[in-house]
Amino acid sequence: MAGPELTEPMRGLLAAIAEALNVPLPGHADVDEQAYNRLLAKRADLAQIATSSVLRFDDTLAAAAWLRAECADTPVTYTVYRPRTAEQQPSAGA
């Protein structure tokens, strides 16, 4: 069942929310995981503020622009997860 078509401003806001919440997984260190959790919580707060402002002020374009700007000010600062290569895998006898 198809619903109403999304407007371009609404698509822009949804894309901004998806981008805000799509942060890379943290590395293996506890400090990286803690920083990841803080960043994801901050970005979720920003997305909630953006959606609330649309409901209150009905300016989807401004909310999307604001969210993107705020996310640019809250970059990834932790070590990002990288899968181990075969050479980095612990040996079975170790």
PDB file of N, CA and C in Angstrom:
ATOM      1  N   MET A   1       0.847  -1.171   0.000  1.00  0.00           N
ATOM      2  CA  MET A   1       0.000   0.000   0.000  1.00  0.00           C
ATOM      3  C   MET A   1       0.895   1.239   0.000  1.00  0.00           C
ATOM      4  N   ALA A   2       0.812   2.018  -1.020  1.00  0.00           N
ATOM      5  CA  ALA A   2       1.645   3.201  -1.158  1.00  0.00           C
ATOM      6  C   ALA A   2       0.999   4.377  -0.432  1.00  0.00           C
ATOM      7  N   GLY A   3       1.843   5.115   0.264  1.00  0.00           N
ATOM      8  CA  GLY A   3       1.377   6.306   0.957  1.00  0.00           C
ATOM      9  C   GLY A   3       1.606   7.529   0.089  1.00  0.00           C
ATOM     10  N   PRO A   4       1.442   8.708   0.661  1.00  0.00           N
ATOM     11  CA  PRO A   4       1.659   9.929  -0.101  1.00  0.00           C
ATOM     12  C   PRO A   4       3.135  10.069  -0.491  1.00  0.00           C
ATOM     13  N   GLU A   5       3.369  10.744  -1.600  1.00  0.00           N
ATOM     14  CA  GLU A   5       4.726  10.994  -2.058  1.00  0.00           C
ATOM     15  C   GLU A   5       5.427  11.940  -1.076  1.00  0.00           C
ATOM     16  N   LEU A   6       6.710  11.683  -0.856  1.00  0.00           N
ATOM     17  CA  LEU A   6       7.500  12.577  -0.017  1.00  0.00           C
ATOM     18  C   LEU A   6       7.949  13.778  -0.831  1.00  0.00           C
ATOM     19  N   THR A   7       7.913  14.928  -0.218  1.00  0.00           N
ATOM     20  CA  THR A   7       8.416  16.126  -0.888  1.00  0.00           C
ATOM     21  C   THR A   7       9.939  16.099  -0.873  1.00  0.00           C
ATOM     22  N   GLU A   8      10.550  16.868  -1.745  1.00  0.00           N
ATOM     23  CA  GLU A   8      12.022  16.938  -1.784  1.00  0.00           C
ATOM     24  C   GLU A   8      12.591  17.458  -0.461  1.00  0.00           C
ATOM     25  N   PRO A   9      11.992  18.497   0.152  1.00  0.00           N
ATOM     26  CA  PRO A   9      12.522  18.916   1.453  1.00  0.00           C
ATOM     27  C   PRO A   9      12.455  17.805   2.508  1.00  0.00           C
ATOM     28  N   MET A  10      11.371  17.013   2.491  1.00  0.00           N
ATOM     29  CA  MET A  10      11.259  15.929   3.463  1.00  0.00           C
ATOM     30  C   MET A  10      12.291  14.840   3.176  1.00  0.00           C
ATOM     31  N   ARG A  11      12.501  14.547   1.904  1.00  0.00           N
ATOM     32  CA  ARG A  11      13.552  13.589   1.536  1.00  0.00           C
ATOM     33  C   ARG A  11      14.916  14.095   2.009  1.00  0.00           C
ATOM     34  N   GLY A  12      15.145  15.390   1.881  1.00  0.00           N
ATOM     35  CA  GLY A  12      16.403  15.982   2.338  1.00  0.00           C
ATOM     36  C   GLY A  12      16.581  15.841   3.836  1.00  0.00           C
ATOM     37  N   LEU A  13      15.501  16.046   4.584  1.00  0.00           N
ATOM     38  CA  LEU A  13      15.579  15.894   6.035  1.00  0.00           C
ATOM     39  C   LEU A  13      15.830  14.442   6.411  1.00  0.00           C
ATOM     40  N   LEU A  14      15.125  13.516   5.756  1.00  0.00           N
ATOM     41  CA  LEU A  14      15.343  12.104   6.053  1.00  0.00           C
ATOM     42  C   LEU A  14      16.768  11.678   5.715  1.00  0.00           C
ATOM     43  N   ALA A  15      17.303  12.198   4.624  1.00  0.00           N
ATOM     44  CA  ALA A  15      18.691  11.895   4.265  1.00  0.00           C
ATOM     45  C   ALA A  15      19.654  12.458   5.305  1.00  0.00           C
ATOM     46  N   ALA A  16      19.388  13.665   5.789  1.00  0.00           N
ATOM     47  CA  ALA A  16      20.244  14.267   6.812  1.00  0.00           C
ATOM     48  C   ALA A  16      20.206  13.452   8.103  1.00  0.00           C
ATOM     49  N   ILE A  17      19.041  12.956   8.473  1.00  0.00           N
ATOM     50  CA  ILE A  17      18.922  12.119   9.673  1.00  0.00           C
ATOM     51  C   ILE A  17      19.693  10.821   9.482  1.00  0.00           C
ATOM     52  N   ALA A  18      19.524  10.191   8.319  1.00  0.00           N
ATOM     53  CA  ALA A  18      20.245   8.942   8.046  1.00  0.00           C
ATOM     54  C   ALA A  18      21.753   9.167   8.095  1.00  0.00           C
ATOM     55  N   GLU A  19      22.220  10.266   7.509  1.00  0.00           N
ATOM     56  CA  GLU A  19      23.649  10.582   7.531  1.00  0.00           C
ATOM     57  C   GLU A  19      24.128  10.839   8.955  1.00  0.00           C
ATOM     58  N   ALA A  20      23.320  11.522   9.739  1.00  0.00           N
ATOM     59  CA  ALA A  20      23.706  11.838  11.117  1.00  0.00           C
ATOM     60  C   ALA A  20      23.891  10.578  11.953  1.00  0.00           C
ATOM     61  N   LEU A  21      23.039   9.595  11.720  1.00  0.00           N
ATOM     62  CA  LEU A  21      23.071   8.387  12.543  1.00  0.00           C
ATOM     63  C   LEU A  21      23.965   7.288  11.979  1.00  0.00           C
ATOM     64  N   ASN A  22      24.460   7.479  10.786  1.00  0.00           N
ATOM     65  CA  ASN A  22      25.311   6.480  10.148  1.00  0.00           C
ATOM     66  C   ASN A  22      26.770   6.783  10.462  1.00  0.00           C
ATOM     67  N   VAL A  23      27.179   6.441  11.674  1.00  0.00           N
ATOM     68  CA  VAL A  23      28.567   6.662  12.083  1.00  0.00           C
ATOM     69  C   VAL A  23      29.307   5.326  12.063  1.00  0.00           C
ATOM     70  N   PRO A  24      30.603   5.349  11.757  1.00  0.00           N
ATOM     71  CA  PRO A  24      31.338   4.095  11.667  1.00  0.00           C
ATOM     72  C   PRO A  24      31.485   3.420  13.024  1.00  0.00           C
ATOM     73  N   LEU A  25      31.571   2.104  12.988  1.00  0.00           N
ATOM     74  CA  LEU A  25      31.761   1.333  14.222  1.00  0.00           C
ATOM     75  C   LEU A  25      33.098   1.678  14.857  1.00  0.00           C
ATOM     76  N   PRO A  26      33.185   1.573  16.188  1.00  0.00           N
ATOM     77  CA  PRO A  26      34.434   1.914  16.872  1.00  0.00           C
ATOM     78  C   PRO A  26      35.449   0.782  16.796  1.00  0.00           C
ATOM     79  N   GLY A  27      36.703   1.148  17.047  1.00  0.00           N
ATOM     80  CA  GLY A  27      37.762   0.157  17.151  1.00  0.00           C
ATOM     81  C   GLY A  27      37.561  -0.719  18.374  1.00  0.00           C
ATOM     82  N   HIS A  28      38.559  -1.507  18.692  1.00  0.00           N
ATOM     83  CA  HIS A  28      38.440  -2.503  19.749  1.00  0.00           C
ATOM     84  C   HIS A  28      38.644  -1.943  21.160  1.00  0.00           C
ATOM     85  N   ALA A  29      39.228  -0.783  21.295  1.00  0.00           N
ATOM     86  CA  ALA A  29      39.523  -0.224  22.608  1.00  0.00           C
ATOM     87  C   ALA A  29      38.251   0.304  23.283  1.00  0.00           C
ATOM     88  N   ASP A  30      38.196   0.173  24.603  1.00  0.00           N
ATOM     89  CA  ASP A  30      37.038   0.671  25.361  1.00  0.00           C
ATOM     90  C   ASP A  30      36.832   2.161  25.145  1.00  0.00           C
ATOM     91  N   VAL A  31      37.915   2.915  25.079  1.00  0.00           N
ATOM     92  CA  VAL A  31      37.808   4.364  24.900  1.00  0.00           C
ATOM     93  C   VAL A  31      37.136   4.696  23.565  1.00  0.00           C
ATOM     94  N   ASP A  32      37.396   3.887  22.543  1.00  0.00           N
ATOM     95  CA  ASP A  32      36.750   4.106  21.243  1.00  0.00           C
ATOM     96  C   ASP A  32      35.264   3.800  21.319  1.00  0.00           C
ATOM     97  N   GLU A  33      34.905   2.741  21.999  1.00  0.00           N
ATOM     98  CA  GLU A  33      33.493   2.394  22.142  1.00  0.00           C
ATOM     99  C   GLU A  33      32.742   3.456  22.935  1.00  0.00           C
ATOM    100  N   GLN A  34      33.371   3.994  23.964  1.00  0.00           N
ATOM    101  CA  GLN A  34      32.737   5.050  24.750  1.00  0.00           C
ATOM    102  C   GLN A  34      32.525   6.312  23.911  1.00  0.00           C
ATOM    103  N   ALA A  35      33.531   6.674  23.120  1.00  0.00           N
ATOM    104  CA  ALA A  35      33.414   7.848  22.257  1.00  0.00           C
ATOM    105  C   ALA A  35      32.331   7.630  21.199  1.00  0.00           C
ATOM    106  N   TYR A  36      32.252   6.417  20.652  1.00  0.00           N
ATOM    107  CA  TYR A  36      31.210   6.066  19.681  1.00  0.00           C
ATOM    108  C   TYR A  36      29.826   6.236  20.305  1.00  0.00           C
ATOM    109  N   ASN A  37      29.643   5.716  21.511  1.00  0.00           N
ATOM    110  CA  ASN A  37      28.348   5.818  22.185  1.00  0.00           C
ATOM    111  C   ASN A  37      27.972   7.274  22.446  1.00  0.00           C
ATOM    112  N   ARG A  38      28.954   8.091  22.859  1.00  0.00           N
ATOM    113  CA  ARG A  38      28.675   9.515  23.092  1.00  0.00           C
ATOM    114  C   ARG A  38      28.285  10.212  21.786  1.00  0.00           C
ATOM    115  N   LEU A  39      29.025   9.910  20.714  1.00  0.00           N
ATOM    116  CA  LEU A  39      28.731  10.546  19.427  1.00  0.00           C
ATOM    117  C   LEU A  39      27.354  10.139  18.922  1.00  0.00           C
ATOM    118  N   LEU A  40      27.032   8.861  19.001  1.00  0.00           N
ATOM    119  CA  LEU A  40      25.731   8.397  18.521  1.00  0.00           C
ATOM    120  C   LEU A  40      24.596   9.013  19.345  1.00  0.00           C
ATOM    121  N   ALA A  41      24.778   9.121  20.648  1.00  0.00           N
ATOM    122  CA  ALA A  41      23.759   9.749  21.496  1.00  0.00           C
ATOM    123  C   ALA A  41      23.599  11.226  21.138  1.00  0.00           C
ATOM    124  N   LYS A  42      24.711  11.915  20.909  1.00  0.00           N
ATOM    125  CA  LYS A  42      24.660  13.335  20.538  1.00  0.00           C
ATOM    126  C   LYS A  42      23.945  13.508  19.200  1.00  0.00           C
ATOM    127  N   ARG A  43      24.299  12.663  18.224  1.00  0.00           N
ATOM    128  CA  ARG A  43      23.673  12.757  16.908  1.00  0.00           C
ATOM    129  C   ARG A  43      22.179  12.427  16.982  1.00  0.00           C
ATOM    130  N   ALA A  44      21.794  11.472  17.807  1.00  0.00           N
ATOM    131  CA  ALA A  44      20.367  11.148  17.977  1.00  0.00           C
ATOM    132  C   ALA A  44      19.631  12.342  18.592  1.00  0.00           C
ATOM    133  N   ASP A  45      20.257  13.005  19.553  1.00  0.00           N
ATOM    134  CA  ASP A  45      19.660  14.209  20.141  1.00  0.00           C
ATOM    135  C   ASP A  45      19.463  15.287  19.075  1.00  0.00           C
ATOM    136  N   LEU A  46      20.476  15.472  18.233  1.00  0.00           N
ATOM    137  CA  LEU A  46      20.375  16.475  17.172  1.00  0.00           C
ATOM    138  C   LEU A  46      19.250  16.136  16.193  1.00  0.00           C
ATOM    139  N   ALA A  47      19.120  14.869  15.837  1.00  0.00           N
ATOM    140  CA  ALA A  47      18.054  14.446  14.923  1.00  0.00           C
ATOM    141  C   ALA A  47      16.685  14.688  15.553  1.00  0.00           C
ATOM    142  N   GLN A  48      16.572  14.440  16.846  1.00  0.00           N
ATOM    143  CA  GLN A  48      15.305  14.673  17.538  1.00  0.00           C
ATOM    144  C   GLN A  48      14.968  16.164  17.552  1.00  0.00           C
ATOM    145  N   ILE A  49      15.957  16.994  17.779  1.00  0.00           N
ATOM    146  CA  ILE A  49      15.737  18.444  17.774  1.00  0.00           C
ATOM    147  C   ILE A  49      15.287  18.899  16.381  1.00  0.00           C
ATOM    148  N   ALA A  50      15.933  18.372  15.346  1.00  0.00           N
ATOM    149  CA  ALA A  50      15.575  18.756  13.979  1.00  0.00           C
ATOM    150  C   ALA A  50      14.135  18.368  13.653  1.00  0.00           C
ATOM    151  N   THR A  51      13.741  17.146  14.010  1.00  0.00           N
ATOM    152  CA  THR A  51      12.373  16.725  13.705  1.00  0.00           C
ATOM    153  C   THR A  51      11.351  17.512  14.524  1.00  0.00           C
ATOM    154  N   SER A  52      11.688  17.806  15.770  1.00  0.00           N
ATOM    155  CA  SER A  52      10.777  18.612  16.595  1.00  0.00           C
ATOM    156  C   SER A  52      10.609  20.011  16.026  1.00  0.00           C
ATOM    157  N   SER A  53      11.695  20.577  15.487  1.00  0.00           N
ATOM    158  CA  SER A  53      11.582  21.926  14.925  1.00  0.00           C
ATOM    159  C   SER A  53      10.707  21.931  13.669  1.00  0.00           C
ATOM    160  N   VAL A  54      10.750  20.849  12.892  1.00  0.00           N
ATOM    161  CA  VAL A  54       9.866  20.766  11.718  1.00  0.00           C
ATOM    162  C   VAL A  54       8.415  20.730  12.164  1.00  0.00           C
ATOM    163  N   LEU A  55       8.139  19.939  13.184  1.00  0.00           N
ATOM    164  CA  LEU A  55       6.763  19.854  13.676  1.00  0.00           C
ATOM    165  C   LEU A  55       6.289  21.181  14.255  1.00  0.00           C
ATOM    166  N   ARG A  56       7.208  21.935  14.852  1.00  0.00           N
ATOM    167  CA  ARG A  56       6.822  23.192  15.477  1.00  0.00           C
ATOM    168  C   ARG A  56       6.791  24.365  14.490  1.00  0.00           C
ATOM    169  N   PHE A  57       7.812  24.434  13.617  1.00  0.00           N
ATOM    170  CA  PHE A  57       7.954  25.610  12.756  1.00  0.00           C
ATOM    171  C   PHE A  57       7.711  25.322  11.278  1.00  0.00           C
ATOM    172  N   ASP A  58       7.601  24.047  10.893  1.00  0.00           N
ATOM    173  CA  ASP A  58       7.289  23.646   9.525  1.00  0.00           C
ATOM    174  C   ASP A  58       8.298  24.186   8.506  1.00  0.00           C
ATOM    175  N   ASP A  59       9.597  24.136   8.865  1.00  0.00           N
ATOM    176  CA  ASP A  59      10.641  24.558   7.926  1.00  0.00           C
ATOM    177  C   ASP A  59      11.623  23.402   7.757  1.00  0.00           C
ATOM    178  N   THR A  60      11.267  22.483   6.877  1.00  0.00           N
ATOM    179  CA  THR A  60      12.032  21.256   6.684  1.00  0.00           C
ATOM    180  C   THR A  60      13.423  21.543   6.141  1.00  0.00           C
ATOM    181  N   LEU A  61      13.533  22.456   5.191  1.00  0.00           N
ATOM    182  CA  LEU A  61      14.842  22.782   4.613  1.00  0.00           C
ATOM    183  C   LEU A  61      15.796  23.334   5.663  1.00  0.00           C
ATOM    184  N   ALA A  62      15.302  24.226   6.493  1.00  0.00           N
ATOM    185  CA  ALA A  62      16.152  24.807   7.540  1.00  0.00           C
ATOM    186  C   ALA A  62      16.574  23.741   8.547  1.00  0.00           C
ATOM    187  N   ALA A  63      15.671  22.843   8.886  1.00  0.00           N
ATOM    188  CA  ALA A  63      15.999  21.788   9.849  1.00  0.00           C
ATOM    189  C   ALA A  63      17.075  20.854   9.297  1.00  0.00           C
ATOM    190  N   ALA A  64      16.968  20.502   8.026  1.00  0.00           N
ATOM    191  CA  ALA A  64      17.970  19.623   7.403  1.00  0.00           C
ATOM    192  C   ALA A  64      19.326  20.326   7.348  1.00  0.00           C
ATOM    193  N   ALA A  65      19.341  21.588   6.979  1.00  0.00           N
ATOM    194  CA  ALA A  65      20.598  22.344   6.913  1.00  0.00           C
ATOM    195  C   ALA A  65      21.214  22.474   8.303  1.00  0.00           C
ATOM    196  N   TRP A  66      20.386  22.746   9.295  1.00  0.00           N
ATOM    197  CA  TRP A  66      20.875  22.869  10.664  1.00  0.00           C
ATOM    198  C   TRP A  66      21.473  21.548  11.140  1.00  0.00           C
ATOM    199  N   LEU A  67      20.779  20.448  10.878  1.00  0.00           N
ATOM    200  CA  LEU A  67      21.264  19.141  11.319  1.00  0.00           C
ATOM    201  C   LEU A  67      22.604  18.821  10.662  1.00  0.00           C
ATOM    202  N   ARG A  68      22.736  19.069   9.383  1.00  0.00           N
ATOM    203  CA  ARG A  68      24.012  18.809   8.694  1.00  0.00           C
ATOM    204  C   ARG A  68      25.131  19.672   9.274  1.00  0.00           C
ATOM    205  N   ALA A  69      24.836  20.925   9.558  1.00  0.00           N
ATOM    206  CA  ALA A  69      25.853  21.820  10.132  1.00  0.00           C
ATOM    207  C   ALA A  69      26.272  21.357  11.529  1.00  0.00           C
ATOM    208  N   GLU A  70      25.302  20.965  12.334  1.00  0.00           N
ATOM    209  CA  GLU A  70      25.616  20.494  13.685  1.00  0.00           C
ATOM    210  C   GLU A  70      26.436  19.206  13.640  1.00  0.00           C
ATOM    211  N   CYS A  71      26.110  18.315  12.720  1.00  0.00           N
ATOM    212  CA  CYS A  71      26.863  17.072  12.594  1.00  0.00           C
ATOM    213  C   CYS A  71      28.284  17.329  12.121  1.00  0.00           C
ATOM    214  N   ALA A  72      28.465  18.340  11.291  1.00  0.00           N
ATOM    215  CA  ALA A  72      29.816  18.701  10.858  1.00  0.00           C
ATOM    216  C   ALA A  72      30.650  19.175  12.045  1.00  0.00           C
ATOM    217  N   ASP A  73      29.975  19.740  13.044  1.00  0.00           N
ATOM    218  CA  ASP A  73      30.665  20.199  14.258  1.00  0.00           C
ATOM    219  C   ASP A  73      30.867  19.079  15.281  1.00  0.00           C
ATOM    220  N   THR A  74      30.334  17.894  15.010  1.00  0.00           N
ATOM    221  CA  THR A  74      30.508  16.744  15.907  1.00  0.00           C
ATOM    222  C   THR A  74      31.044  15.567  15.096  1.00  0.00           C
ATOM    223  N   PRO A  75      32.303  15.662  14.660  1.00  0.00           N
ATOM    224  CA  PRO A  75      32.870  14.615  13.802  1.00  0.00           C
ATOM    225  C   PRO A  75      33.272  13.378  14.600  1.00  0.00           C
ATOM    226  N   VAL A  76      33.594  12.329  13.873  1.00  0.00           N
ATOM    227  CA  VAL A  76      34.141  11.106  14.469  1.00  0.00           C
ATOM    228  C   VAL A  76      35.542  11.428  14.977  1.00  0.00           C
ATOM    229  N   THR A  77      35.795  11.133  16.249  1.00  0.00           N
ATOM    230  CA  THR A  77      37.108  11.414  16.847  1.00  0.00           C
ATOM    231  C   THR A  77      37.763  10.149  17.393  1.00  0.00           C
ATOM    232  N   TYR A  78      37.115   9.020  17.231  1.00  0.00           N
ATOM    233  CA  TYR A  78      37.638   7.763  17.763  1.00  0.00           C
ATOM    234  C   TYR A  78      38.264   6.936  16.651  1.00  0.00           C
ATOM    235  N   THR A  79      38.993   5.903  17.049  1.00  0.00           N
ATOM    236  CA  THR A  79      39.554   4.975  16.081  1.00  0.00           C
ATOM    237  C   THR A  79      38.431   4.116  15.523  1.00  0.00           C
ATOM    238  N   VAL A  80      38.359   4.054  14.214  1.00  0.00           N
ATOM    239  CA  VAL A  80      37.298   3.323  13.523  1.00  0.00           C
ATOM    240  C   VAL A  80      37.679   1.853  13.404  1.00  0.00           C
ATOM    241  N   TYR A  81      36.685   0.979  13.517  1.00  0.00           N
ATOM    242  CA  TYR A  81      36.888  -0.466  13.398  1.00  0.00           C
ATOM    243  C   TYR A  81      37.440  -0.811  12.019  1.00  0.00           C
ATOM    244  N   ARG A  82      38.441  -1.644  12.019  1.00  0.00           N
ATOM    245  CA  ARG A  82      39.002  -2.199  10.786  1.00  0.00           C
ATOM    246  C   ARG A  82      39.128  -3.705  11.008  1.00  0.00           C
ATOM    247  N   PRO A  83      38.544  -4.509  10.123  1.00  0.00           N
ATOM    248  CA  PRO A  83      38.668  -5.962  10.286  1.00  0.00           C
ATOM    249  C   PRO A  83      40.141  -6.365  10.257  1.00  0.00           C
ATOM    250  N   ARG A  84      40.464  -7.362  11.030  1.00  0.00           N
ATOM    251  CA  ARG A  84      41.835  -7.857  11.057  1.00  0.00           C
ATOM    252  C   ARG A  84      42.124  -8.623   9.777  1.00  0.00           C
ATOM    253  N   THR A  85      43.329  -8.449   9.291  1.00  0.00           N
ATOM    254  CA  THR A  85      43.750  -9.219   8.126  1.00  0.00           C
ATOM    255  C   THR A  85      44.203 -10.595   8.602  1.00  0.00           C
ATOM    256  N   ALA A  86      44.431 -11.506   7.673  1.00  0.00           N
ATOM    257  CA  ALA A  86      44.874 -12.856   8.015  1.00  0.00           C
ATOM    258  C   ALA A  86      46.181 -12.811   8.802  1.00  0.00           C
ATOM    259  N   GLU A  87      47.060 -11.863   8.466  1.00  0.00           N
ATOM    260  CA  GLU A  87      48.341 -11.746   9.164  1.00  0.00           C
ATOM    261  C   GLU A  87      48.167 -11.273  10.601  1.00  0.00           C
ATOM    262  N   GLN A  88      47.097 -10.558  10.878  1.00  0.00           N
ATOM    263  CA  GLN A  88      46.862 -10.011  12.215  1.00  0.00           C
ATOM    264  C   GLN A  88      46.114 -10.981  13.125  1.00  0.00           C
ATOM    265  N   GLN A  89      45.566 -12.046  12.579  1.00  0.00           N
ATOM    266  CA  GLN A  89      44.805 -13.014  13.367  1.00  0.00           C
ATOM    267  C   GLN A  89      45.749 -13.743  14.317  1.00  0.00           C
ATOM    268  N   PRO A  90      45.323 -13.956  15.550  1.00  0.00           N
ATOM    269  CA  PRO A  90      46.166 -14.720  16.474  1.00  0.00           C
ATOM    270  C   PRO A  90      46.305 -16.158  15.977  1.00  0.00           C
ATOM    271  N   SER A  91      47.484 -16.698  16.145  1.00  0.00           N
ATOM    272  CA  SER A  91      47.707 -18.084  15.696  1.00  0.00           C
ATOM    273  C   SER A  91      47.036 -19.051  16.658  1.00  0.00           C
ATOM    274  N   ALA A  92      46.655 -20.212  16.157  1.00  0.00           N
ATOM    275  CA  ALA A  92      45.946 -21.207  16.957  1.00  0.00           C
ATOM    276  C   ALA A  92      46.792 -21.738  18.084  1.00  0.00           C
ATOM    277  N   GLY A  93      48.125 -21.766  17.914  1.00  0.00           N
ATOM    278  CA  GLY A  93      49.022 -22.300  18.937  1.00  0.00           C
ATOM    279  C   GLY A  93      49.457 -21.295  19.974  1.00  0.00           C
ATOM    280  N   ALA A  94      49.074 -20.020  19.809  1.00  0.00           N
ATOM    281  CA  ALA A  94      49.550 -18.990  20.734  1.00  0.00           C
ATOM    282  C   ALA A  94      48.719 -18.919  21.969  1.00  0.00           C
TER     283      ALA A  94
END
